[in-house]
Amino acid sequence: MRLSIATLLCALATCGVAGAASPTLAPQVAEINAMIEQQWRDYEIKPAPDVADPQWCRRVFLDVIGRIPSVAELKEFSEDGSDRRQRLLERLLEDDRYAEEYAGHWATVWSNILIGRSGGTDRRSLTSRDGMMKYLRDSFAANKPYDRMVFELVTAEGATKPGATGFNGATNFLADKVNEESGVLATSSTSRIFLGLQVQCTQCHNHPFNQWKQQRFWDFNAFFRQTRSLRRFVAGTDDIDHAELVNEDFAGQGGDPSDALIFYELRNGLVKTAYPVFIDDTAIGTSGFVSESNRRLELGKLMLASPYLDKMMVNRFWSHFLGYGFTKPVDDLGPHNAPSHPDLLEYLAKEVRGNSHDVKQLIRWIVLSRPYQLSARHTSANEVDDPMVGEAPKFSHFYLRQMTAEQLYQSLVTSSGATATGSYERQEQERRRWLQQFVVAFGTDEGDEATTFNGSIPQALMLFNGELTRQAISDEDGGFIKRVIAENRNPRDRVNQLFLAGLCRRASRDELSIASKLLAAREGKEVEMLQDMWWAIINSNEFIMQH
């Protein structure tokens, strides 16, 4: 009989000591701390204590490279001296051992943002998920500046599929969007993802609370009217092999490419015209000839100069690491949606521009800042800080959140080697198959998806009894359980290694007592006891949560 999950839902152990603050804080980190701490004083909030080192190590592994640390990595961190937190972050960002995982994790994060978790999986899709992932992996591996990535994604031309003539993986962001209703999806996605401006509602009418009006939407939409996504077929068949994103002369809806206007209709039936005009009222001219005015190229240049680009970069990365951005939703920076920390958002936006939109630098500032060091302890001294009830986040404690499906998969693989065998391609297919089963997606009016990882019955059953779990608890020679037995001298040490592998802490006294009772119930069969304990650990809330 398997151990109930509820038995192992215990409080976080207090093993280890709180890590000392970095001895050489960057001025940006000091400024973050000063602004955050000032708000705590304003609200008379006492922040949570620093999280213990082992849990912080687990936290930063999940956020920076997308998985929990191995027992060996946890040991290396614990022996690394008083500035171990800063040193670990530098390893994850710069050490060749983690270069591939860092690039792969952020490529996955941004693929989900740009094309959705299901993007490129439908055989009718013009998007190549492999092409999108390759472009993003290469970009993050090279630490390409964020603004350069945005420019390339917005202005890309070429083939979507790796290996195709003229391949350019950046084309996959717009490949399925530009043909959709005259580029409506390209318009809303580009403005929302990169500028934090929610314009989709203004397609048909003026927004009652947003400064974006219907004219603005269609002016922005005009930048995409020269662009088409062309289907390229497998030779001799009707099967689509890939798409090619191209720019073509646009005659406008009046039939005159020298004055390539578009029409849109007001709710009262009046028809108005629109030309490519940026959100700051910068117009680029009326010509639809690509040789005279490459509209997407001009859009990319205007976006690079926009302060909204900087703010959106900061807001999204802050949200990734702290659980909430300065606005909710994270991609709505309109004046109707006041940020929780306007001065800090403005400051960091200027700093990322001054530091050439260096992604790794922004990660350093956030991860080494005071809010990221705090435990998830919610006390009477910080009870007003509860975004779950609609309060603006004050970051006086770490906000508990569930792992993403991708983090859960990679953590199961890391902790117990439970993965498909064979080539990289086969392993990637297995990963995608598992994710597709685990994640529920619902279409939205923006063409993206709302994904859930909410402990539903199908998800729970998949974790309890799925193939990945069966591999994780396997007693085969060379498997995780047999390695734990070989590497430790006695049952107590072996149980402790299970907890270190899954939860980055040793077993509590009660948990060791449970293991002893299980061993007796299993008539001394230690392998079966360890299988039961490991199954319970990887199915517990403590394993699944980021804390």
Protein backbone atom coordinates (compact mmCIF):
# COMPACT_ATOMS: atom_id res chain seq x y z
CA MET A 1 0.00 0.00 0.00
CA ARG A 2 1.47 3.33 -1.07
CA LEU A 3 2.09 6.11 1.41
CA SER A 4 -0.50 8.89 1.35
CA ILE A 5 0.76 12.18 -0.04
CA ALA A 6 -0.84 14.02 2.88
CA THR A 7 1.52 12.24 5.28
CA LEU A 8 4.46 14.01 3.71
CA LEU A 9 2.99 17.52 3.48
CA CYS A 10 5.24 18.87 6.17
CA ALA A 11 6.58 22.34 6.91
CA LEU A 12 9.85 23.35 5.27
CA ALA A 13 12.73 22.18 7.38
CA THR A 14 15.05 24.79 8.80
CA CYS A 15 18.26 23.05 7.82
CA GLY A 16 21.11 25.28 6.84
CA VAL A 17 21.54 28.92 7.76
CA ALA A 18 20.39 32.01 5.98
CA GLY A 19 22.92 33.08 3.38
CA ALA A 20 24.90 36.21 4.03
CA ALA A 21 24.27 39.15 1.76
CA SER A 22 26.60 39.50 -1.17
CA PRO A 23 29.75 41.40 -0.08
CA THR A 24 29.83 43.46 -3.28
CA LEU A 25 26.31 44.49 -4.23
CA ALA A 26 25.89 46.21 -7.56
CA PRO A 27 24.44 49.73 -7.25
CA GLN A 28 21.30 48.52 -9.03
CA VAL A 29 20.78 45.86 -6.35
CA ALA A 30 21.25 48.44 -3.61
CA GLU A 31 18.71 50.71 -5.27
CA ILE A 32 16.16 47.90 -5.60
CA ASN A 33 16.61 47.14 -1.91
CA ALA A 34 16.29 50.76 -0.88
CA MET A 35 13.04 51.30 -2.82
CA ILE A 36 11.46 48.04 -1.72
CA GLU A 37 12.44 48.57 1.93
CA GLN A 38 11.04 52.10 1.87
CA GLN A 39 7.64 50.71 0.90
CA TRP A 40 7.85 48.20 3.74
CA ARG A 41 8.40 51.10 6.13
CA ASP A 42 5.56 53.07 4.55
CA TYR A 43 3.15 50.17 5.14
CA GLU A 44 4.73 49.22 8.49
CA ILE A 45 5.56 45.77 7.17
CA LYS A 46 8.20 43.52 8.65
CA PRO A 47 9.56 41.25 5.90
CA ALA A 48 9.93 37.52 6.24
CA PRO A 49 13.37 36.23 7.29
CA ASP A 50 15.83 35.11 4.66
CA VAL A 51 15.17 31.67 3.27
CA ALA A 52 17.60 28.91 4.26
CA ASP A 53 20.46 28.30 1.87
CA PRO A 54 19.33 24.88 0.57
CA GLN A 55 15.86 26.19 -0.35
CA TRP A 56 17.36 29.29 -1.98
CA CYS A 57 19.62 27.03 -4.02
CA ARG A 58 16.59 25.07 -5.21
CA ARG A 59 14.76 28.31 -5.99
CA VAL A 60 17.50 29.81 -8.13
CA PHE A 61 18.14 26.56 -10.03
CA LEU A 62 14.45 26.42 -10.97
CA ASP A 63 14.26 30.05 -12.04
CA VAL A 64 17.57 30.34 -13.91
CA ILE A 65 17.96 26.96 -15.61
CA GLY A 66 14.54 25.34 -15.15
CA ARG A 67 15.16 22.45 -12.75
CA ILE A 68 16.03 21.61 -9.17
CA PRO A 69 19.68 20.94 -8.25
CA SER A 70 21.15 17.49 -7.90
CA VAL A 71 22.46 16.34 -4.52
CA ALA A 72 26.02 16.91 -5.77
CA GLU A 73 25.19 20.45 -6.88
CA LEU A 74 23.53 21.18 -3.53
CA LYS A 75 26.66 19.93 -1.74
CA GLU A 76 28.92 22.07 -3.94
CA PHE A 77 26.82 25.12 -3.11
CA SER A 78 26.83 24.44 0.65
CA GLU A 79 30.64 24.24 0.68
CA ASP A 80 31.18 27.41 -1.34
CA GLY A 81 31.91 30.02 1.32
CA SER A 82 30.11 33.05 2.70
CA ASP A 83 29.28 34.53 -0.72
CA ARG A 84 27.90 31.23 -1.98
CA ARG A 85 24.69 32.75 -3.35
CA GLN A 86 26.47 35.13 -5.67
CA ARG A 87 28.97 32.46 -6.68
CA LEU A 88 26.18 30.00 -7.51
CA LEU A 89 24.39 32.56 -9.65
CA GLU A 90 27.60 33.22 -11.59
CA ARG A 91 28.05 29.50 -12.20
CA LEU A 92 24.52 29.13 -13.53
CA LEU A 93 24.93 32.15 -15.80
CA GLU A 94 28.51 31.71 -16.99
CA ASP A 95 29.83 28.19 -16.35
CA ASP A 96 29.99 26.01 -19.47
CA ARG A 97 28.41 23.17 -17.46
CA TYR A 98 25.12 25.06 -17.47
CA ALA A 99 25.28 26.93 -20.78
CA GLU A 100 23.05 24.48 -22.65
CA GLU A 101 20.48 24.22 -19.86
CA TYR A 102 20.35 28.01 -19.40
CA ALA A 103 19.76 28.57 -23.10
CA GLY A 104 17.23 25.74 -23.34
CA HIS A 105 15.25 26.91 -20.32
CA TRP A 106 14.91 30.49 -21.51
CA ALA A 107 14.17 29.32 -25.05
CA THR A 108 11.26 27.32 -23.62
CA VAL A 109 10.04 30.24 -21.50
CA TRP A 110 10.06 32.59 -24.49
CA SER A 111 8.65 30.07 -26.96
CA ASN A 112 5.64 29.76 -24.67
CA ILE A 113 5.33 33.55 -24.56
CA LEU A 114 5.75 34.10 -28.30
CA ILE A 115 3.86 31.17 -29.82
CA GLY A 116 2.22 29.38 -26.86
CA ARG A 117 2.89 25.90 -25.53
CA SER A 118 0.97 24.35 -28.41
CA GLY A 119 2.45 26.62 -31.08
CA GLY A 120 3.87 24.66 -34.00
CA THR A 121 2.40 21.32 -32.89
CA ASP A 122 -0.57 21.34 -35.28
CA ARG A 123 0.26 19.89 -38.69
CA ARG A 124 -1.61 22.78 -40.34
CA SER A 125 0.42 25.39 -38.47
CA LEU A 126 2.85 27.58 -40.38
CA THR A 127 4.96 27.83 -37.23
CA SER A 128 7.93 25.54 -36.69
CA ARG A 129 8.46 25.01 -32.97
CA ASP A 130 11.90 23.56 -33.69
CA GLY A 131 12.75 26.70 -35.64
CA MET A 132 11.54 28.98 -32.85
CA MET A 133 13.45 27.03 -30.21
CA LYS A 134 16.66 27.01 -32.25
CA TYR A 135 16.57 30.76 -32.73
CA LEU A 136 15.93 31.40 -29.04
CA ARG A 137 18.49 28.85 -27.82
CA ASP A 138 21.17 30.42 -29.99
CA SER A 139 20.16 33.91 -28.85
CA PHE A 140 20.26 33.15 -25.12
CA ALA A 141 23.45 31.10 -25.47
CA ALA A 142 25.13 34.15 -27.00
CA ASN A 143 23.52 36.49 -24.44
CA LYS A 144 22.10 38.48 -27.32
CA PRO A 145 20.77 41.84 -26.08
CA TYR A 146 17.05 41.78 -25.45
CA ASP A 147 16.34 44.74 -27.74
CA ARG A 148 18.20 43.03 -30.59
CA MET A 149 16.07 39.90 -30.15
CA VAL A 150 12.89 41.96 -30.23
CA PHE A 151 14.05 43.77 -33.37
CA GLU A 152 14.84 40.48 -35.11
CA LEU A 153 11.53 38.90 -34.12
CA VAL A 154 9.52 41.87 -35.40
CA THR A 155 11.45 42.39 -38.66
CA ALA A 156 12.42 38.80 -39.61
CA GLU A 157 12.18 37.44 -43.16
CA GLY A 158 12.92 33.93 -44.39
CA ALA A 159 11.97 30.29 -43.89
CA THR A 160 10.57 28.97 -40.62
CA LYS A 161 12.00 25.45 -40.66
CA PRO A 162 15.58 24.46 -39.78
CA GLY A 163 17.34 23.13 -42.85
CA ALA A 164 15.12 24.98 -45.34
CA THR A 165 16.74 27.41 -47.74
CA GLY A 166 16.82 30.86 -46.14
CA PHE A 167 16.05 29.55 -42.65
CA ASN A 168 15.52 32.27 -40.04
CA GLY A 169 14.02 30.97 -36.83
CA ALA A 170 12.88 34.44 -35.76
CA THR A 171 10.18 34.31 -38.46
CA ASN A 172 8.18 31.87 -36.35
CA PHE A 173 6.89 34.63 -34.08
CA LEU A 174 4.79 36.14 -36.90
CA ALA A 175 4.42 33.16 -39.25
CA ASP A 176 0.93 32.23 -38.02
CA LYS A 177 -0.09 35.79 -37.13
CA VAL A 178 0.33 38.05 -40.15
CA ASN A 179 -2.18 36.24 -42.37
CA GLU A 180 -4.80 36.16 -39.62
CA GLU A 181 -7.52 38.75 -40.34
CA SER A 182 -5.16 41.20 -42.07
CA GLY A 183 -2.52 41.04 -39.36
CA VAL A 184 -4.84 41.69 -36.43
CA LEU A 185 -3.16 38.98 -34.35
CA ALA A 186 0.29 40.27 -35.28
CA THR A 187 -0.80 43.73 -34.14
CA SER A 188 -2.16 42.70 -30.74
CA SER A 189 0.63 40.21 -29.96
CA THR A 190 3.49 42.54 -30.87
CA SER A 191 2.15 45.48 -28.86
CA ARG A 192 1.22 43.34 -25.86
CA ILE A 193 4.29 41.10 -25.61
CA PHE A 194 6.99 43.69 -26.27
CA LEU A 195 5.44 47.02 -25.29
CA GLY A 196 2.95 45.97 -22.64
CA LEU A 197 0.08 47.67 -24.43
CA GLN A 198 -3.20 45.78 -24.59
CA VAL A 199 -4.78 46.92 -27.86
CA GLN A 200 -6.89 43.97 -28.91
CA CYS A 201 -10.11 45.49 -27.57
CA THR A 202 -9.67 48.66 -29.63
CA GLN A 203 -9.92 46.82 -32.94
CA CYS A 204 -13.68 47.46 -33.02
CA HIS A 205 -14.22 50.37 -30.61
CA ASN A 206 -12.48 52.92 -28.41
CA HIS A 207 -11.46 51.49 -25.05
CA PRO A 208 -13.26 53.22 -22.17
CA PHE A 209 -10.23 53.17 -19.83
CA ASN A 210 -7.23 52.82 -22.13
CA GLN A 211 -5.56 55.67 -24.01
CA TRP A 212 -5.43 53.36 -27.00
CA LYS A 213 -8.26 54.28 -29.34
CA GLN A 214 -9.51 52.56 -32.46
CA GLN A 215 -7.40 54.83 -34.66
CA ARG A 216 -4.29 53.77 -32.77
CA PHE A 217 -5.00 50.10 -33.35
CA TRP A 218 -5.33 50.43 -37.10
CA ASP A 219 -2.36 52.79 -37.38
CA PHE A 220 -0.26 50.12 -35.64
CA ASN A 221 -1.81 47.38 -37.75
CA ALA A 222 -0.73 49.21 -40.93
CA PHE A 223 2.91 48.33 -40.16
CA PHE A 224 2.15 44.65 -40.91
CA ARG A 225 0.27 45.05 -44.19
CA GLN A 226 3.33 44.45 -46.40
CA THR A 227 4.01 41.08 -44.79
CA ARG A 228 2.79 37.65 -45.87
CA SER A 229 3.45 34.11 -44.73
CA LEU A 230 3.73 31.88 -47.81
CA ARG A 231 3.21 28.13 -47.71
CA ARG A 232 6.00 25.98 -49.11
CA PHE A 233 5.00 22.41 -49.93
CA VAL A 234 6.78 19.07 -49.92
CA ALA A 235 7.75 18.45 -53.52
CA GLY A 236 5.00 16.66 -55.46
CA THR A 237 2.48 16.77 -52.59
CA ASP A 238 -0.10 19.02 -50.99
CA ASP A 239 1.62 18.71 -47.60
CA ILE A 240 3.00 21.93 -46.13
CA ASP A 241 6.72 21.62 -45.44
CA HIS A 242 7.30 25.07 -43.99
CA ALA A 243 6.39 28.72 -44.37
CA GLU A 244 8.34 31.66 -45.71
CA LEU A 245 7.79 35.12 -44.25
CA VAL A 246 8.18 37.76 -46.94
CA ASN A 247 7.63 41.48 -47.47
CA GLU A 248 5.64 42.48 -50.52
CA ASP A 249 4.55 45.81 -51.98
CA PHE A 250 1.18 46.80 -50.55
CA ALA A 251 -1.24 48.72 -52.74
CA GLY A 252 -3.50 49.62 -49.86
CA GLN A 253 -7.24 49.19 -49.89
CA GLY A 254 -7.51 52.11 -52.27
CA GLY A 255 -5.36 50.37 -54.88
CA ASP A 256 -2.59 53.01 -54.89
CA PRO A 257 0.76 51.78 -53.48
CA SER A 258 2.08 55.35 -53.28
CA ASP A 259 -0.75 56.10 -50.83
CA ALA A 260 -1.26 52.67 -49.25
CA LEU A 261 -4.03 53.41 -46.81
CA ILE A 262 -6.33 51.01 -45.02
CA PHE A 263 -9.95 51.50 -44.04
CA TYR A 264 -11.69 50.65 -40.80
CA GLU A 265 -15.25 51.19 -39.64
CA LEU A 266 -16.43 52.98 -36.52
CA ARG A 267 -19.31 51.58 -34.49
CA ASN A 268 -21.60 54.26 -35.92
CA GLY A 269 -20.88 53.03 -39.45
CA LEU A 270 -18.48 55.80 -40.48
CA VAL A 271 -15.38 54.67 -42.38
CA LYS A 272 -11.98 56.13 -41.54
CA THR A 273 -8.46 55.67 -42.89
CA ALA A 274 -5.21 54.61 -41.24
CA TYR A 275 -1.50 54.72 -42.10
CA PRO A 276 1.52 53.35 -40.20
CA VAL A 277 1.86 55.61 -37.16
CA PHE A 278 3.68 54.52 -33.98
CA ILE A 279 2.27 54.89 -30.46
CA ASP A 280 4.24 58.12 -29.91
CA ASP A 281 2.61 59.66 -33.04
CA THR A 282 5.67 59.09 -35.24
CA ALA A 283 4.50 58.53 -38.83
CA ILE A 284 6.72 56.82 -41.41
CA GLY A 285 4.97 57.88 -44.61
CA THR A 286 2.23 56.51 -46.78
CA SER A 287 4.08 54.46 -49.39
CA GLY A 288 3.35 50.76 -49.65
CA PHE A 289 6.46 50.08 -51.79
CA VAL A 290 8.91 48.02 -49.72
CA SER A 291 11.84 49.69 -51.51
CA GLU A 292 10.63 53.09 -50.31
CA SER A 293 9.37 52.18 -46.85
CA ASN A 294 9.88 48.77 -45.27
CA ARG A 295 7.16 49.14 -42.68
CA ARG A 296 8.18 46.35 -40.31
CA LEU A 297 11.79 47.51 -40.38
CA GLU A 298 10.66 51.00 -39.43
CA LEU A 299 8.43 49.56 -36.72
CA GLY A 300 11.39 47.67 -35.27
CA LYS A 301 13.46 50.87 -35.10
CA LEU A 302 10.64 52.77 -33.40
CA MET A 303 10.16 49.98 -30.88
CA LEU A 304 13.86 50.01 -30.01
CA ALA A 305 13.59 53.68 -29.07
CA SER A 306 10.42 53.27 -27.01
CA PRO A 307 10.63 53.39 -23.18
CA TYR A 308 7.79 50.85 -23.13
CA LEU A 309 10.26 48.26 -24.48
CA ASP A 310 12.50 48.77 -21.44
CA LYS A 311 9.63 48.69 -18.95
CA MET A 312 8.17 45.55 -20.46
CA MET A 313 11.52 43.77 -20.30
CA VAL A 314 11.87 44.64 -16.61
CA ASN A 315 8.28 43.78 -15.75
CA ARG A 316 8.35 40.37 -17.39
CA PHE A 317 11.66 39.26 -15.89
CA TRP A 318 10.70 40.58 -12.45
CA SER A 319 7.46 38.60 -12.66
CA HIS A 320 9.35 35.46 -13.65
CA PHE A 321 11.58 35.59 -10.57
CA LEU A 322 9.26 37.14 -7.95
CA GLY A 323 5.95 35.60 -8.99
CA TYR A 324 4.25 38.94 -9.73
CA GLY A 325 5.18 41.87 -11.92
CA PHE A 326 4.71 45.52 -11.04
CA THR A 327 1.39 45.37 -12.92
CA LYS A 328 -1.32 42.78 -13.20
CA PRO A 329 -1.52 41.47 -15.82
CA VAL A 330 2.19 41.65 -16.42
CA ASP A 331 1.77 42.73 -20.06
CA ASP A 332 -0.51 45.71 -19.42
CA LEU A 333 1.50 48.90 -18.83
CA GLY A 334 -1.18 51.32 -19.95
CA PRO A 335 -1.83 54.48 -17.89
CA HIS A 336 -5.09 52.98 -16.63
CA ASN A 337 -3.10 50.27 -14.81
CA ALA A 338 -0.83 51.90 -12.23
CA PRO A 339 2.28 49.85 -11.29
CA SER A 340 2.83 48.84 -7.66
CA HIS A 341 6.34 50.38 -7.64
CA PRO A 342 6.39 53.08 -10.35
CA ASP A 343 9.72 54.62 -9.34
CA LEU A 344 11.47 51.24 -9.25
CA LEU A 345 10.03 50.26 -12.62
CA GLU A 346 11.21 53.56 -14.14
CA TYR A 347 14.65 53.20 -12.55
CA LEU A 348 15.22 49.62 -13.74
CA ALA A 349 13.93 50.48 -17.21
CA LYS A 350 16.57 53.21 -17.51
CA GLU A 351 19.25 50.88 -16.15
CA VAL A 352 18.56 48.08 -18.63
CA ARG A 353 18.79 50.59 -21.48
CA GLY A 354 22.01 51.97 -20.02
CA ASN A 355 23.38 48.41 -19.82
CA SER A 356 22.51 47.56 -23.44
CA HIS A 357 19.50 45.42 -22.49
CA ASP A 358 21.80 42.73 -21.09
CA VAL A 359 19.53 39.88 -19.95
CA LYS A 360 22.08 38.32 -17.60
CA GLN A 361 22.71 41.64 -15.89
CA LEU A 362 19.01 42.10 -15.19
CA ILE A 363 18.86 38.55 -13.82
CA ARG A 364 21.76 39.32 -11.50
CA TRP A 365 20.10 42.46 -10.14
CA ILE A 366 16.83 40.68 -9.42
CA VAL A 367 18.23 37.43 -8.01
CA LEU A 368 20.69 39.17 -5.68
CA SER A 369 18.12 41.70 -4.46
CA ARG A 370 16.59 41.52 -0.98
CA PRO A 371 13.07 40.40 -2.03
CA TYR A 372 14.47 37.32 -3.77
CA GLN A 373 16.33 36.25 -0.61
CA LEU A 374 13.22 36.09 1.57
CA SER A 375 11.38 33.01 2.73
CA ALA A 376 7.75 32.35 1.82
CA ARG A 377 6.69 32.82 5.46
CA HIS A 378 3.44 34.81 5.72
CA THR A 379 3.15 36.29 9.21
CA SER A 380 1.03 38.82 11.08
CA ALA A 381 3.78 41.36 10.42
CA ASN A 382 3.35 41.11 6.64
CA GLU A 383 -0.23 39.87 6.32
CA VAL A 384 -1.28 42.94 4.31
CA ASP A 385 1.04 41.73 1.56
CA ASP A 386 -1.25 39.23 -0.13
CA PRO A 387 -1.68 39.62 -3.91
CA MET A 388 -3.99 36.60 -3.91
CA VAL A 389 -6.77 38.77 -2.46
CA GLY A 390 -6.21 41.61 -4.91
CA GLU A 391 -3.64 43.65 -2.98
CA ALA A 392 -0.73 45.10 -4.92
CA PRO A 393 2.40 42.99 -4.23
CA LYS A 394 4.89 44.46 -1.78
CA PHE A 395 7.43 41.63 -2.03
CA SER A 396 7.88 41.29 1.73
CA HIS A 397 7.97 37.51 1.41
CA PHE A 398 8.45 35.07 -1.44
CA TYR A 399 5.17 34.21 -3.15
CA LEU A 400 4.57 30.48 -3.38
CA ARG A 401 3.80 29.23 -6.85
CA GLN A 402 3.66 25.95 -8.66
CA MET A 403 6.40 24.81 -10.97
CA THR A 404 5.63 25.11 -14.63
CA ALA A 405 5.04 21.82 -16.40
CA GLU A 406 8.47 22.15 -18.04
CA GLN A 407 10.20 22.70 -14.69
CA LEU A 408 8.41 19.71 -13.22
CA TYR A 409 9.48 17.48 -16.08
CA GLN A 410 13.12 18.57 -15.95
CA SER A 411 13.18 18.26 -12.16
CA LEU A 412 11.90 14.70 -12.29
CA VAL A 413 14.56 13.93 -14.86
CA THR A 414 17.31 15.54 -12.79
CA SER A 415 16.35 14.07 -9.45
CA SER A 416 15.96 10.49 -10.62
CA GLY A 417 17.08 10.22 -14.24
CA ALA A 418 13.53 9.41 -15.32
CA THR A 419 13.70 10.19 -19.02
CA ALA A 420 13.45 8.63 -22.42
CA THR A 421 16.50 6.91 -23.82
CA GLY A 422 17.89 7.35 -27.30
CA SER A 423 18.74 10.37 -29.43
CA TYR A 424 18.16 14.01 -28.50
CA GLU A 425 15.30 14.10 -30.99
CA ARG A 426 13.59 11.11 -29.34
CA GLN A 427 14.03 12.56 -25.86
CA GLU A 428 12.62 15.89 -27.02
CA GLN A 429 9.63 14.08 -28.54
CA GLU A 430 9.03 12.31 -25.22
CA ARG A 431 9.22 15.61 -23.36
CA ARG A 432 6.72 17.27 -25.68
CA ARG A 433 4.37 14.30 -25.52
CA TRP A 434 4.39 14.45 -21.71
CA LEU A 435 3.84 18.21 -21.69
CA GLN A 436 0.95 17.98 -24.14
CA GLN A 437 -0.75 15.44 -21.89
CA PHE A 438 -0.10 17.47 -18.77
CA VAL A 439 -1.02 20.99 -19.88
CA VAL A 440 -4.58 22.00 -20.66
CA ALA A 441 -4.81 24.84 -23.18
CA PHE A 442 -7.78 27.01 -24.04
CA GLY A 443 -7.81 29.41 -26.98
CA THR A 444 -8.25 33.12 -26.27
CA ASP A 445 -9.31 36.05 -28.40
CA GLU A 446 -5.64 36.93 -28.83
CA GLY A 447 -4.86 33.58 -30.40
CA ASP A 448 -2.69 32.47 -27.50
CA GLU A 449 -3.57 30.03 -24.76
CA ALA A 450 -4.41 29.95 -21.10
CA THR A 451 -2.47 27.07 -19.62
CA THR A 452 -3.28 25.40 -16.35
CA PHE A 453 -1.24 23.27 -13.97
CA ASN A 454 -3.70 23.09 -11.15
CA GLY A 455 -3.64 19.64 -9.64
CA SER A 456 -6.60 18.40 -11.67
CA ILE A 457 -7.54 14.73 -11.44
CA PRO A 458 -5.98 13.83 -14.84
CA GLN A 459 -2.77 15.65 -13.89
CA ALA A 460 -2.68 13.98 -10.48
CA LEU A 461 -3.20 10.54 -12.00
CA MET A 462 -0.48 11.23 -14.53
CA LEU A 463 1.94 12.15 -11.75
CA PHE A 464 0.88 9.24 -9.55
CA ASN A 465 1.03 6.51 -12.16
CA GLY A 466 2.51 7.94 -15.37
CA GLU A 467 5.49 6.53 -17.24
CA LEU A 468 7.83 9.23 -15.92
CA THR A 469 6.93 8.35 -12.32
CA ARG A 470 7.31 4.64 -12.99
CA GLN A 471 10.80 5.28 -14.33
CA ALA A 472 11.62 7.45 -11.33
CA ILE A 473 10.77 4.74 -8.78
CA SER A 474 12.10 1.82 -10.83
CA ASP A 475 14.26 -0.70 -8.98
CA GLU A 476 16.21 -1.64 -12.10
CA ASP A 477 20.00 -1.96 -11.88
CA GLY A 478 21.61 1.43 -12.55
CA GLY A 479 18.37 3.24 -11.70
CA PHE A 480 17.99 5.98 -9.12
CA ILE A 481 16.85 3.78 -6.22
CA LYS A 482 19.73 1.33 -6.71
CA ARG A 483 22.21 4.24 -6.90
CA VAL A 484 20.89 5.63 -3.62
CA ILE A 485 21.44 2.25 -1.96
CA ALA A 486 24.96 1.92 -3.38
CA GLU A 487 26.02 5.43 -2.36
CA ASN A 488 24.82 5.33 1.26
CA ARG A 489 25.69 3.09 4.20
CA ASN A 490 22.34 2.63 5.95
CA PRO A 491 18.58 3.17 5.53
CA ARG A 492 18.64 6.49 7.42
CA ASP A 493 21.26 7.98 5.08
CA ARG A 494 19.39 6.63 2.06
CA VAL A 495 16.12 8.23 3.12
CA ASN A 496 17.94 11.51 3.74
CA GLN A 497 19.36 11.38 0.21
CA LEU A 498 15.85 11.00 -1.20
CA PHE A 499 14.78 14.16 0.61
CA LEU A 500 17.89 16.04 -0.47
CA ALA A 501 17.34 14.95 -4.07
CA GLY A 502 13.69 16.02 -4.16
CA LEU A 503 13.31 18.78 -1.57
CA CYS A 504 16.87 20.03 -0.88
CA ARG A 505 16.57 19.19 2.81
CA ARG A 506 17.06 16.21 5.07
CA ALA A 507 14.15 14.18 6.38
CA SER A 508 12.52 15.35 9.61
CA ARG A 509 12.30 13.12 12.68
CA ASP A 510 8.67 12.27 11.86
CA GLU A 511 9.57 11.39 8.27
CA LEU A 512 12.39 9.12 9.43
CA SER A 513 9.91 7.45 11.78
CA ILE A 514 7.52 6.89 8.86
CA ALA A 515 10.35 5.34 6.84
CA SER A 516 11.14 3.00 9.74
CA LYS A 517 7.51 1.91 10.01
CA LEU A 518 7.31 1.40 6.26
CA LEU A 519 10.44 -0.76 6.34
CA ALA A 520 8.80 -2.93 8.97
CA ALA A 521 5.55 -3.07 6.99
CA ARG A 522 7.56 -4.13 3.94
CA GLU A 523 9.11 -6.94 6.01
CA GLY A 524 12.59 -5.45 5.76
CA LYS A 525 12.52 -4.99 1.98
CA GLU A 526 14.40 -1.70 1.83
CA VAL A 527 14.06 -1.20 -1.92
CA GLU A 528 10.27 -1.22 -1.61
CA MET A 529 10.38 1.19 1.31
CA LEU A 530 12.59 3.59 -0.66
CA GLN A 531 10.29 3.34 -3.67
CA ASP A 532 7.31 4.27 -1.51
CA MET A 533 9.14 7.20 0.09
CA TRP A 534 10.39 8.51 -3.26
CA TRP A 535 6.94 8.20 -4.83
CA ALA A 536 5.46 10.21 -1.96
CA ILE A 537 8.16 12.90 -2.19
CA ILE A 538 7.80 13.56 -5.92
CA ASN A 539 4.01 13.66 -5.61
CA SER A 540 3.99 16.05 -2.64
CA ASN A 541 3.09 19.74 -2.75
CA GLU A 542 6.53 20.55 -1.40
CA PHE A 543 8.16 19.01 -4.48
CA ILE A 544 5.80 20.66 -6.96
CA MET A 545 5.91 24.14 -5.40
CA GLN A 546 8.49 26.83 -6.05
CA HIS A 547 9.23 28.26 -2.61
